[in-house]
Amino acid sequence: MGVVGVVLDDRNRVLLVEHVFHPYLPWGLPGGWVERHEDPVSALRRELDEELGMTVEIGPILAVQNEHGSHVDLAYLCRPTSPVNRLSFELLDHDWFDAGQLPRTHAFHRLAIHRAWELTVSKLQTNEQ
């Protein structure tokens, strides 16, 4: 099982990281593998701390993917509670992206990002009414 975080800042930009080991689609959401006997939320907190030295508030699940019946990925909506403090050896770079600036990413990541933006925009519109 894998977990990724759709981390949105206060301007609703999404945090993407450039992965060393993904040469064809290097940019994607931060996250990683869930270890044995670990719950997905704890795994996401651990991965974001290990890879970026950051902490987040984790919200709802945005998307679930079951690839070929053998691997499940979960995407969670997140808000940062600290800045990015470091990059692990698995990452080359990180950046915050607006909707019109997204680099090519995996389809599952794009789906989760768009669901996060839809959820955030609908909340803003509800609060304005």
N, C-alpha and C. Protein backbone atom coordinates (compact mmCIF):
# COMPACT_ATOMS: atom_id res chain seq x y z
N MET A 1 0.84 -1.17 0.00
CA MET A 1 0.00 0.00 0.00
C MET A 1 0.89 1.23 0.00
N GLY A 2 0.46 2.23 -0.76
CA GLY A 2 1.17 3.50 -0.81
C GLY A 2 0.27 4.64 -0.40
N VAL A 3 0.88 5.72 0.08
CA VAL A 3 0.14 6.92 0.46
C VAL A 3 0.84 8.14 -0.12
N VAL A 4 0.03 9.10 -0.54
CA VAL A 4 0.55 10.39 -0.99
C VAL A 4 -0.27 11.50 -0.35
N GLY A 5 0.35 12.65 -0.21
CA GLY A 5 -0.33 13.82 0.35
C GLY A 5 -0.48 14.90 -0.70
N VAL A 6 -1.70 15.39 -0.85
CA VAL A 6 -1.95 16.58 -1.67
C VAL A 6 -1.86 17.75 -0.70
N VAL A 7 -0.65 18.30 -0.56
CA VAL A 7 -0.39 19.37 0.40
C VAL A 7 -0.68 20.70 -0.29
N LEU A 8 -1.69 21.41 0.22
CA LEU A 8 -2.07 22.72 -0.32
C LEU A 8 -1.67 23.79 0.67
N ASP A 9 -1.02 24.86 0.16
CA ASP A 9 -0.64 25.97 1.03
C ASP A 9 -1.81 26.94 1.17
N ASP A 10 -1.57 28.08 1.83
CA ASP A 10 -2.66 29.03 2.07
C ASP A 10 -3.14 29.74 0.80
N ARG A 11 -2.40 29.58 -0.30
CA ARG A 11 -2.82 30.11 -1.61
C ARG A 11 -3.37 29.00 -2.51
N ASN A 12 -3.59 27.80 -1.93
CA ASN A 12 -4.09 26.61 -2.62
C ASN A 12 -3.17 26.14 -3.74
N ARG A 13 -1.88 26.41 -3.58
CA ARG A 13 -0.89 25.81 -4.48
C ARG A 13 -0.56 24.43 -3.93
N VAL A 14 -0.25 23.50 -4.83
CA VAL A 14 0.05 22.13 -4.43
C VAL A 14 1.56 21.92 -4.40
N LEU A 15 2.02 21.20 -3.40
CA LEU A 15 3.43 20.85 -3.26
C LEU A 15 3.72 19.61 -4.08
N LEU A 16 4.65 19.74 -5.01
CA LEU A 16 5.14 18.58 -5.76
C LEU A 16 6.63 18.42 -5.52
N VAL A 17 7.09 17.19 -5.61
CA VAL A 17 8.51 16.89 -5.43
C VAL A 17 9.04 16.22 -6.69
N GLU A 18 10.32 16.44 -6.94
CA GLU A 18 10.98 15.81 -8.09
C GLU A 18 11.75 14.59 -7.57
N HIS A 19 11.32 13.41 -8.00
CA HIS A 19 11.88 12.15 -7.51
C HIS A 19 13.11 11.73 -8.31
N VAL A 20 14.13 11.29 -7.61
CA VAL A 20 15.36 10.78 -8.23
C VAL A 20 15.08 9.52 -9.04
N PHE A 21 14.27 8.63 -8.49
CA PHE A 21 14.10 7.29 -9.06
C PHE A 21 12.94 7.16 -10.04
N HIS A 22 12.36 8.27 -10.47
CA HIS A 22 11.26 8.26 -11.45
C HIS A 22 11.65 9.11 -12.65
N PRO A 23 12.54 8.63 -13.52
CA PRO A 23 13.06 9.47 -14.59
C PRO A 23 12.04 9.87 -15.66
N TYR A 24 10.99 9.08 -15.87
CA TYR A 24 10.04 9.39 -16.93
C TYR A 24 8.98 10.39 -16.50
N LEU A 25 8.55 10.32 -15.27
CA LEU A 25 7.61 11.29 -14.68
C LEU A 25 8.17 11.68 -13.31
N PRO A 26 9.20 12.53 -13.28
CA PRO A 26 9.88 12.81 -12.02
C PRO A 26 9.06 13.60 -11.00
N TRP A 27 8.15 14.46 -11.47
CA TRP A 27 7.38 15.28 -10.54
C TRP A 27 6.13 14.55 -10.08
N GLY A 28 5.87 14.62 -8.78
CA GLY A 28 4.69 13.98 -8.23
C GLY A 28 4.43 14.41 -6.80
N LEU A 29 3.42 13.84 -6.24
CA LEU A 29 3.05 14.13 -4.85
C LEU A 29 4.03 13.45 -3.89
N PRO A 30 4.27 14.06 -2.74
CA PRO A 30 5.12 13.41 -1.74
C PRO A 30 4.38 12.26 -1.06
N GLY A 31 5.11 11.25 -0.69
CA GLY A 31 4.52 10.11 0.00
C GLY A 31 5.43 8.91 -0.05
N GLY A 32 4.86 7.74 0.16
CA GLY A 32 5.68 6.53 0.14
C GLY A 32 4.87 5.31 0.53
N TRP A 33 5.59 4.29 0.99
CA TRP A 33 5.00 3.00 1.32
C TRP A 33 4.54 2.95 2.77
N VAL A 34 3.45 2.23 2.99
CA VAL A 34 2.96 1.95 4.33
C VAL A 34 3.69 0.70 4.81
N GLU A 35 4.33 0.81 5.97
CA GLU A 35 5.06 -0.33 6.51
C GLU A 35 4.10 -1.32 7.16
N ARG A 36 4.57 -2.53 7.35
CA ARG A 36 3.77 -3.58 7.98
C ARG A 36 3.27 -3.13 9.35
N HIS A 37 1.99 -3.30 9.61
CA HIS A 37 1.33 -2.94 10.87
C HIS A 37 1.26 -1.43 11.10
N GLU A 38 1.46 -0.63 10.06
CA GLU A 38 1.39 0.83 10.18
C GLU A 38 0.09 1.30 9.54
N ASP A 39 -0.58 2.26 10.16
CA ASP A 39 -1.79 2.78 9.54
C ASP A 39 -1.40 3.84 8.50
N PRO A 40 -2.23 4.05 7.47
CA PRO A 40 -1.86 4.95 6.37
C PRO A 40 -1.59 6.39 6.79
N VAL A 41 -2.35 6.92 7.74
CA VAL A 41 -2.13 8.31 8.18
C VAL A 41 -0.77 8.44 8.85
N SER A 42 -0.42 7.50 9.70
CA SER A 42 0.91 7.52 10.34
C SER A 42 2.02 7.38 9.30
N ALA A 43 1.79 6.54 8.30
CA ALA A 43 2.79 6.37 7.24
C ALA A 43 3.00 7.67 6.47
N LEU A 44 1.93 8.37 6.17
CA LEU A 44 2.06 9.63 5.44
C LEU A 44 2.80 10.67 6.28
N ARG A 45 2.47 10.77 7.55
CA ARG A 45 3.20 11.70 8.44
C ARG A 45 4.70 11.35 8.46
N ARG A 46 5.00 10.07 8.59
CA ARG A 46 6.40 9.62 8.64
C ARG A 46 7.11 9.95 7.34
N GLU A 47 6.48 9.64 6.20
CA GLU A 47 7.11 9.88 4.90
C GLU A 47 7.38 11.37 4.67
N LEU A 48 6.43 12.23 5.01
CA LEU A 48 6.63 13.67 4.82
C LEU A 48 7.74 14.19 5.73
N ASP A 49 7.84 13.64 6.92
CA ASP A 49 8.93 14.04 7.81
C ASP A 49 10.27 13.53 7.27
N GLU A 50 10.33 12.26 6.84
CA GLU A 50 11.60 11.70 6.35
C GLU A 50 12.06 12.38 5.05
N GLU A 51 11.13 12.62 4.13
CA GLU A 51 11.51 13.15 2.82
C GLU A 51 11.67 14.66 2.80
N LEU A 52 10.88 15.38 3.61
CA LEU A 52 10.84 16.84 3.51
C LEU A 52 11.08 17.56 4.83
N GLY A 53 11.12 16.83 5.93
CA GLY A 53 11.28 17.47 7.23
C GLY A 53 10.11 18.37 7.57
N MET A 54 8.92 18.03 7.05
CA MET A 54 7.76 18.89 7.30
C MET A 54 6.67 18.13 8.03
N THR A 55 5.82 18.89 8.70
CA THR A 55 4.64 18.33 9.34
C THR A 55 3.40 18.89 8.66
N VAL A 56 2.32 18.09 8.69
CA VAL A 56 1.09 18.50 8.04
C VAL A 56 -0.11 18.11 8.90
N GLU A 57 -1.21 18.78 8.62
CA GLU A 57 -2.51 18.38 9.15
C GLU A 57 -3.14 17.53 8.05
N ILE A 58 -3.53 16.32 8.37
CA ILE A 58 -4.05 15.40 7.37
C ILE A 58 -5.58 15.38 7.43
N GLY A 59 -6.19 15.58 6.28
CA GLY A 59 -7.64 15.62 6.17
C GLY A 59 -8.19 14.36 5.51
N PRO A 60 -9.25 14.53 4.73
CA PRO A 60 -9.94 13.38 4.16
C PRO A 60 -9.17 12.70 3.02
N ILE A 61 -9.55 11.47 2.75
CA ILE A 61 -9.05 10.75 1.57
C ILE A 61 -9.69 11.38 0.34
N LEU A 62 -8.87 11.68 -0.64
CA LEU A 62 -9.34 12.29 -1.89
C LEU A 62 -9.54 11.27 -3.00
N ALA A 63 -8.70 10.24 -3.02
CA ALA A 63 -8.76 9.26 -4.10
C ALA A 63 -8.13 7.95 -3.63
N VAL A 64 -8.63 6.86 -4.21
CA VAL A 64 -8.10 5.52 -3.95
C VAL A 64 -7.88 4.86 -5.30
N GLN A 65 -6.75 4.21 -5.43
CA GLN A 65 -6.44 3.49 -6.67
C GLN A 65 -6.06 2.06 -6.32
N ASN A 66 -6.65 1.10 -7.02
CA ASN A 66 -6.32 -0.30 -6.83
C ASN A 66 -5.78 -0.80 -8.16
N GLU A 67 -4.46 -0.90 -8.26
CA GLU A 67 -3.82 -1.32 -9.50
C GLU A 67 -3.73 -2.82 -9.59
N HIS A 68 -4.39 -3.39 -10.57
CA HIS A 68 -4.30 -4.82 -10.88
C HIS A 68 -4.65 -5.70 -9.68
N GLY A 69 -5.38 -5.17 -8.71
CA GLY A 69 -5.80 -5.96 -7.56
C GLY A 69 -4.70 -6.30 -6.59
N SER A 70 -3.49 -5.77 -6.81
CA SER A 70 -2.38 -6.15 -5.94
C SER A 70 -1.74 -4.99 -5.19
N HIS A 71 -2.09 -3.76 -5.56
CA HIS A 71 -1.48 -2.60 -4.92
C HIS A 71 -2.53 -1.50 -4.78
N VAL A 72 -2.64 -0.94 -3.59
CA VAL A 72 -3.59 0.13 -3.32
C VAL A 72 -2.82 1.40 -2.97
N ASP A 73 -3.25 2.53 -3.57
CA ASP A 73 -2.71 3.85 -3.24
C ASP A 73 -3.83 4.70 -2.68
N LEU A 74 -3.52 5.47 -1.63
CA LEU A 74 -4.45 6.41 -1.03
C LEU A 74 -3.87 7.81 -1.15
N ALA A 75 -4.71 8.79 -1.48
CA ALA A 75 -4.29 10.19 -1.54
C ALA A 75 -5.11 10.97 -0.51
N TYR A 76 -4.42 11.71 0.34
CA TYR A 76 -5.06 12.50 1.40
C TYR A 76 -4.86 13.99 1.16
N LEU A 77 -5.87 14.78 1.52
CA LEU A 77 -5.75 16.23 1.53
C LEU A 77 -4.96 16.63 2.76
N CYS A 78 -3.97 17.50 2.58
CA CYS A 78 -3.12 17.92 3.70
C CYS A 78 -2.92 19.44 3.66
N ARG A 79 -2.70 20.01 4.83
CA ARG A 79 -2.30 21.41 4.98
C ARG A 79 -1.00 21.42 5.77
N PRO A 80 -0.01 22.20 5.33
CA PRO A 80 1.27 22.23 6.04
C PRO A 80 1.15 22.93 7.39
N THR A 81 1.84 22.39 8.39
CA THR A 81 1.94 23.05 9.69
C THR A 81 3.39 23.46 9.95
N SER A 82 4.26 23.17 9.00
CA SER A 82 5.65 23.63 9.04
C SER A 82 6.13 23.74 7.59
N PRO A 83 7.21 24.47 7.36
CA PRO A 83 7.75 24.54 5.99
C PRO A 83 8.52 23.28 5.63
N VAL A 84 8.88 23.17 4.37
CA VAL A 84 9.82 22.13 3.92
C VAL A 84 11.18 22.51 4.51
N ASN A 85 11.77 21.61 5.26
CA ASN A 85 13.04 21.89 5.94
C ASN A 85 14.25 21.21 5.33
N ARG A 86 14.02 20.16 4.53
CA ARG A 86 15.13 19.44 3.91
C ARG A 86 14.57 18.53 2.82
N LEU A 87 15.45 18.03 1.99
CA LEU A 87 15.09 17.03 0.98
C LEU A 87 15.89 15.77 1.24
N SER A 88 15.24 14.63 1.19
CA SER A 88 15.95 13.37 1.36
C SER A 88 16.73 13.06 0.08
N PHE A 89 17.55 12.03 0.14
CA PHE A 89 18.34 11.62 -1.03
C PHE A 89 17.45 11.14 -2.17
N GLU A 90 16.18 10.83 -1.89
CA GLU A 90 15.24 10.36 -2.91
C GLU A 90 14.68 11.50 -3.76
N LEU A 91 14.93 12.74 -3.34
CA LEU A 91 14.33 13.89 -4.00
C LEU A 91 15.39 14.84 -4.54
N LEU A 92 15.11 15.40 -5.71
CA LEU A 92 15.99 16.39 -6.32
C LEU A 92 15.55 17.82 -6.01
N ASP A 93 14.23 18.02 -5.90
CA ASP A 93 13.71 19.38 -5.75
C ASP A 93 12.27 19.31 -5.26
N HIS A 94 11.74 20.46 -4.93
CA HIS A 94 10.32 20.61 -4.60
C HIS A 94 9.87 22.00 -5.05
N ASP A 95 8.57 22.14 -5.26
CA ASP A 95 8.03 23.46 -5.62
C ASP A 95 6.53 23.46 -5.38
N TRP A 96 5.97 24.66 -5.30
CA TRP A 96 4.53 24.85 -5.14
C TRP A 96 3.96 25.26 -6.48
N PHE A 97 2.87 24.63 -6.92
CA PHE A 97 2.31 24.84 -8.25
C PHE A 97 0.85 25.28 -8.19
N ASP A 98 0.51 26.26 -9.04
CA ASP A 98 -0.88 26.65 -9.28
C ASP A 98 -1.47 25.69 -10.31
N ALA A 99 -2.79 25.75 -10.47
CA ALA A 99 -3.50 24.84 -11.38
C ALA A 99 -2.95 24.89 -12.80
N GLY A 100 -2.63 26.05 -13.31
CA GLY A 100 -2.16 26.17 -14.68
C GLY A 100 -0.70 25.84 -14.88
N GLN A 101 0.01 25.51 -13.84
CA GLN A 101 1.46 25.29 -13.91
C GLN A 101 1.89 23.84 -13.69
N LEU A 102 0.97 22.93 -13.52
CA LEU A 102 1.35 21.56 -13.16
C LEU A 102 2.22 20.90 -14.23
N PRO A 103 3.34 20.32 -13.83
CA PRO A 103 4.11 19.50 -14.78
C PRO A 103 3.39 18.17 -15.00
N ARG A 104 3.88 17.39 -15.94
CA ARG A 104 3.31 16.05 -16.15
C ARG A 104 3.51 15.22 -14.90
N THR A 105 2.45 14.55 -14.48
CA THR A 105 2.49 13.66 -13.31
C THR A 105 1.66 12.42 -13.62
N HIS A 106 1.72 11.46 -12.74
CA HIS A 106 0.90 10.26 -12.88
C HIS A 106 -0.58 10.65 -12.86
N ALA A 107 -1.41 9.90 -13.57
CA ALA A 107 -2.84 10.17 -13.65
C ALA A 107 -3.49 10.17 -12.27
N PHE A 108 -3.08 9.25 -11.40
CA PHE A 108 -3.65 9.19 -10.05
C PHE A 108 -3.33 10.47 -9.28
N HIS A 109 -2.13 10.99 -9.43
CA HIS A 109 -1.75 12.23 -8.75
C HIS A 109 -2.57 13.40 -9.27
N ARG A 110 -2.74 13.50 -10.60
CA ARG A 110 -3.56 14.57 -11.18
C ARG A 110 -5.00 14.50 -10.67
N LEU A 111 -5.56 13.29 -10.62
CA LEU A 111 -6.92 13.11 -10.11
C LEU A 111 -7.03 13.63 -8.68
N ALA A 112 -6.10 13.23 -7.82
CA ALA A 112 -6.13 13.63 -6.42
C ALA A 112 -5.98 15.15 -6.27
N ILE A 113 -5.09 15.74 -7.06
CA ILE A 113 -4.88 17.20 -7.01
C ILE A 113 -6.15 17.93 -7.42
N HIS A 114 -6.77 17.50 -8.50
CA HIS A 114 -7.99 18.17 -8.96
C HIS A 114 -9.13 18.00 -7.97
N ARG A 115 -9.21 16.85 -7.33
CA ARG A 115 -10.25 16.66 -6.30
C ARG A 115 -9.98 17.58 -5.10
N ALA A 116 -8.73 17.76 -4.74
CA ALA A 116 -8.39 18.66 -3.64
C ALA A 116 -8.80 20.08 -3.98
N TRP A 117 -8.47 20.52 -5.19
CA TRP A 117 -8.85 21.88 -5.60
C TRP A 117 -10.36 22.04 -5.66
N GLU A 118 -11.07 21.04 -6.18
CA GLU A 118 -12.54 21.11 -6.23
C GLU A 118 -13.12 21.23 -4.82
N LEU A 119 -12.62 20.43 -3.90
CA LEU A 119 -13.09 20.44 -2.52
C LEU A 119 -12.80 21.79 -1.87
N THR A 120 -11.62 22.33 -2.10
CA THR A 120 -11.23 23.60 -1.51
C THR A 120 -12.05 24.75 -2.09
N VAL A 121 -12.25 24.76 -3.40
CA VAL A 121 -13.03 25.82 -4.04
C VAL A 121 -14.48 25.76 -3.58
N SER A 122 -15.05 24.56 -3.47
CA SER A 122 -16.45 24.46 -3.03
C SER A 122 -16.60 24.93 -1.58
N LYS A 123 -15.60 24.68 -0.73
CA LYS A 123 -15.64 25.17 0.66
C LYS A 123 -15.57 26.69 0.69
N LEU A 124 -14.70 27.28 -0.15
CA LEU A 124 -14.58 28.73 -0.20
C LEU A 124 -15.89 29.36 -0.66
N GLN A 125 -16.51 28.78 -1.68
CA GLN A 125 -17.77 29.31 -2.19
C GLN A 125 -18.88 29.20 -1.16
N THR A 126 -18.91 28.12 -0.40
CA THR A 126 -19.92 27.93 0.64
C THR A 126 -19.73 28.95 1.74
N ASN A 127 -18.47 29.23 2.11
CA ASN A 127 -18.18 30.20 3.17
C ASN A 127 -18.52 31.63 2.74
N GLU A 128 -18.44 31.91 1.43
CA GLU A 128 -18.72 33.26 0.95
C GLU A 128 -20.21 33.55 0.89
N GLN A 129 -21.04 32.49 0.85
CA GLN A 129 -22.49 32.69 0.71
C GLN A 129 -23.15 33.01 2.03
